[in-house]
Amino acid sequence: MGLQLLWSLGLACLDVYALRGKRDLQSPVLVSLFVVGDWVTSILSLAAACSSAGVAVLYAKDLHVCGKQLHLSCSRRLHVH
């Protein structure tokens, strides 16, 4: 996600530079770079989300953590008063 943050920040700075200098960013090389960069960061973001979900399922279901450690509220709902 740090790479996604840097990529988005870089694109934002490039947009501000283009708007202030009234420059056109529609060259084929730049558009290709944007497409490839967005594709890479989207695949990495999906991989991060899937691995986080996998770890959550591993702890909740596969390791039976909730049965061994009774202080965890895995199946109980927390009531806020």
C-alpha atoms as a PDB file:
ATOM      1  CA  MET A   1       0.000   0.000   0.000  1.00  0.00           C
ATOM      2  CA  GLY A   2       2.991   2.252   0.429  1.00  0.00           C
ATOM      3  CA  LEU A   3       3.732   1.854  -3.269  1.00  0.00           C
ATOM      4  CA  GLN A   4       0.135   2.821  -4.075  1.00  0.00           C
ATOM      5  CA  LEU A   5       0.502   5.929  -1.922  1.00  0.00           C
ATOM      6  CA  LEU A   6       3.728   6.952  -3.642  1.00  0.00           C
ATOM      7  CA  TRP A   7       2.274   6.289  -7.100  1.00  0.00           C
ATOM      8  CA  SER A   8      -0.832   8.376  -6.385  1.00  0.00           C
ATOM      9  CA  LEU A   9       1.204  11.188  -4.860  1.00  0.00           C
ATOM     10  CA  GLY A  10       3.494  11.219  -7.883  1.00  0.00           C
ATOM     11  CA  LEU A  11       0.541  11.399 -10.258  1.00  0.00           C
ATOM     12  CA  ALA A  12      -1.005  14.209  -8.218  1.00  0.00           C
ATOM     13  CA  CYS A  13       2.245  16.197  -8.385  1.00  0.00           C
ATOM     14  CA  LEU A  14       2.449  15.589 -12.127  1.00  0.00           C
ATOM     15  CA  ASP A  15      -1.135  16.806 -12.546  1.00  0.00           C
ATOM     16  CA  VAL A  16      -0.423  19.985 -10.574  1.00  0.00           C
ATOM     17  CA  TYR A  17       2.716  20.584 -12.648  1.00  0.00           C
ATOM     18  CA  ALA A  18       0.753  20.108 -15.887  1.00  0.00           C
ATOM     19  CA  LEU A  19      -2.069  22.384 -14.756  1.00  0.00           C
ATOM     20  CA  ARG A  20       0.258  25.169 -13.608  1.00  0.00           C
ATOM     21  CA  GLY A  21       2.372  25.019 -16.751  1.00  0.00           C
ATOM     22  CA  LYS A  22      -0.647  24.443 -19.027  1.00  0.00           C
ATOM     23  CA  ARG A  23       1.022  21.357 -20.483  1.00  0.00           C
ATOM     24  CA  ASP A  24      -0.592  18.417 -22.239  1.00  0.00           C
ATOM     25  CA  LEU A  25      -0.034  14.949 -20.735  1.00  0.00           C
ATOM     26  CA  GLN A  26      -1.558  12.933 -23.561  1.00  0.00           C
ATOM     27  CA  SER A  27       1.612  11.643 -25.185  1.00  0.00           C
ATOM     28  CA  PRO A  28       1.561   7.894 -25.947  1.00  0.00           C
ATOM     29  CA  VAL A  29       4.587   7.219 -23.729  1.00  0.00           C
ATOM     30  CA  LEU A  30       3.038   8.916 -20.675  1.00  0.00           C
ATOM     31  CA  VAL A  31      -0.349   7.266 -21.174  1.00  0.00           C
ATOM     32  CA  SER A  32       1.346   3.862 -21.467  1.00  0.00           C
ATOM     33  CA  LEU A  33       3.293   4.559 -18.268  1.00  0.00           C
ATOM     34  CA  PHE A  34       0.076   5.512 -16.452  1.00  0.00           C
ATOM     35  CA  VAL A  35      -1.696   2.352 -17.650  1.00  0.00           C
ATOM     36  CA  VAL A  36       1.143   0.036 -16.625  1.00  0.00           C
ATOM     37  CA  GLY A  37       1.639   1.788 -13.281  1.00  0.00           C
ATOM     38  CA  ASP A  38      -2.064   1.650 -12.437  1.00  0.00           C
ATOM     39  CA  TRP A  39      -2.204  -2.011 -13.474  1.00  0.00           C
ATOM     40  CA  VAL A  40       0.764  -2.933 -11.253  1.00  0.00           C
ATOM     41  CA  THR A  41      -0.494  -1.026  -8.221  1.00  0.00           C
ATOM     42  CA  SER A  42      -4.009  -2.455  -8.590  1.00  0.00           C
ATOM     43  CA  ILE A  43      -2.672  -6.037  -8.717  1.00  0.00           C
ATOM     44  CA  LEU A  44      -0.509  -5.384  -5.663  1.00  0.00           C
ATOM     45  CA  SER A  45      -3.471  -3.852  -3.786  1.00  0.00           C
ATOM     46  CA  LEU A  46      -5.601  -6.899  -4.596  1.00  0.00           C
ATOM     47  CA  ALA A  47      -2.809  -9.191  -3.412  1.00  0.00           C
ATOM     48  CA  ALA A  48      -2.532  -7.267  -0.132  1.00  0.00           C
ATOM     49  CA  ALA A  49      -6.274  -7.472   0.481  1.00  0.00           C
ATOM     50  CA  CYS A  50      -6.365 -11.195  -0.288  1.00  0.00           C
ATOM     51  CA  SER A  51      -3.428 -11.958   1.989  1.00  0.00           C
ATOM     52  CA  SER A  52      -5.015  -9.973   4.831  1.00  0.00           C
ATOM     53  CA  ALA A  53      -8.244 -11.903   4.415  1.00  0.00           C
ATOM     54  CA  GLY A  54      -6.301 -15.159   4.324  1.00  0.00           C
ATOM     55  CA  VAL A  55      -4.575 -14.395   7.613  1.00  0.00           C
ATOM     56  CA  ALA A  56      -7.908 -13.474   9.214  1.00  0.00           C
ATOM     57  CA  VAL A  57      -9.468 -16.754   8.082  1.00  0.00           C
ATOM     58  CA  LEU A  58      -6.415 -18.687   9.263  1.00  0.00           C
ATOM     59  CA  TYR A  59      -6.677 -17.255  12.770  1.00  0.00           C
ATOM     60  CA  ALA A  60     -10.461 -17.403  13.063  1.00  0.00           C
ATOM     61  CA  LYS A  61     -11.226 -20.762  11.474  1.00  0.00           C
ATOM     62  CA  ASP A  62      -8.184 -22.929  10.873  1.00  0.00           C
ATOM     63  CA  LEU A  63      -6.172 -22.507  14.063  1.00  0.00           C
ATOM     64  CA  HIS A  64      -9.169 -22.719  16.416  1.00  0.00           C
ATOM     65  CA  VAL A  65      -7.847 -19.729  18.336  1.00  0.00           C
ATOM     66  CA  CYS A  66     -11.294 -18.884  19.674  1.00  0.00           C
ATOM     67  CA  GLY A  67     -11.713 -22.273  21.324  1.00  0.00           C
ATOM     68  CA  LYS A  68      -8.323 -22.229  23.003  1.00  0.00           C
ATOM     69  CA  GLN A  69      -8.360 -18.655  24.231  1.00  0.00           C
ATOM     70  CA  LEU A  70     -11.666 -17.958  25.874  1.00  0.00           C
ATOM     71  CA  HIS A  71     -11.020 -14.254  26.399  1.00  0.00           C
ATOM     72  CA  LEU A  72     -11.410 -13.652  22.641  1.00  0.00           C
ATOM     73  CA  SER A  73     -14.932 -12.799  21.534  1.00  0.00           C
ATOM     74  CA  CYS A  74     -14.988 -14.488  18.143  1.00  0.00           C
ATOM     75  CA  SER A  75     -18.538 -15.786  18.188  1.00  0.00           C
ATOM     76  CA  ARG A  76     -20.015 -13.434  20.784  1.00  0.00           C
ATOM     77  CA  ARG A  77     -21.321 -10.041  19.776  1.00  0.00           C
ATOM     78  CA  LEU A  78     -20.079  -7.035  21.645  1.00  0.00           C
ATOM     79  CA  HIS A  79     -22.890  -4.936  23.105  1.00  0.00           C
ATOM     80  CA  VAL A  80     -22.229  -1.240  23.431  1.00  0.00           C
ATOM     81  CA  HIS A  81     -24.388   0.515  25.984  1.00  0.00           C
END
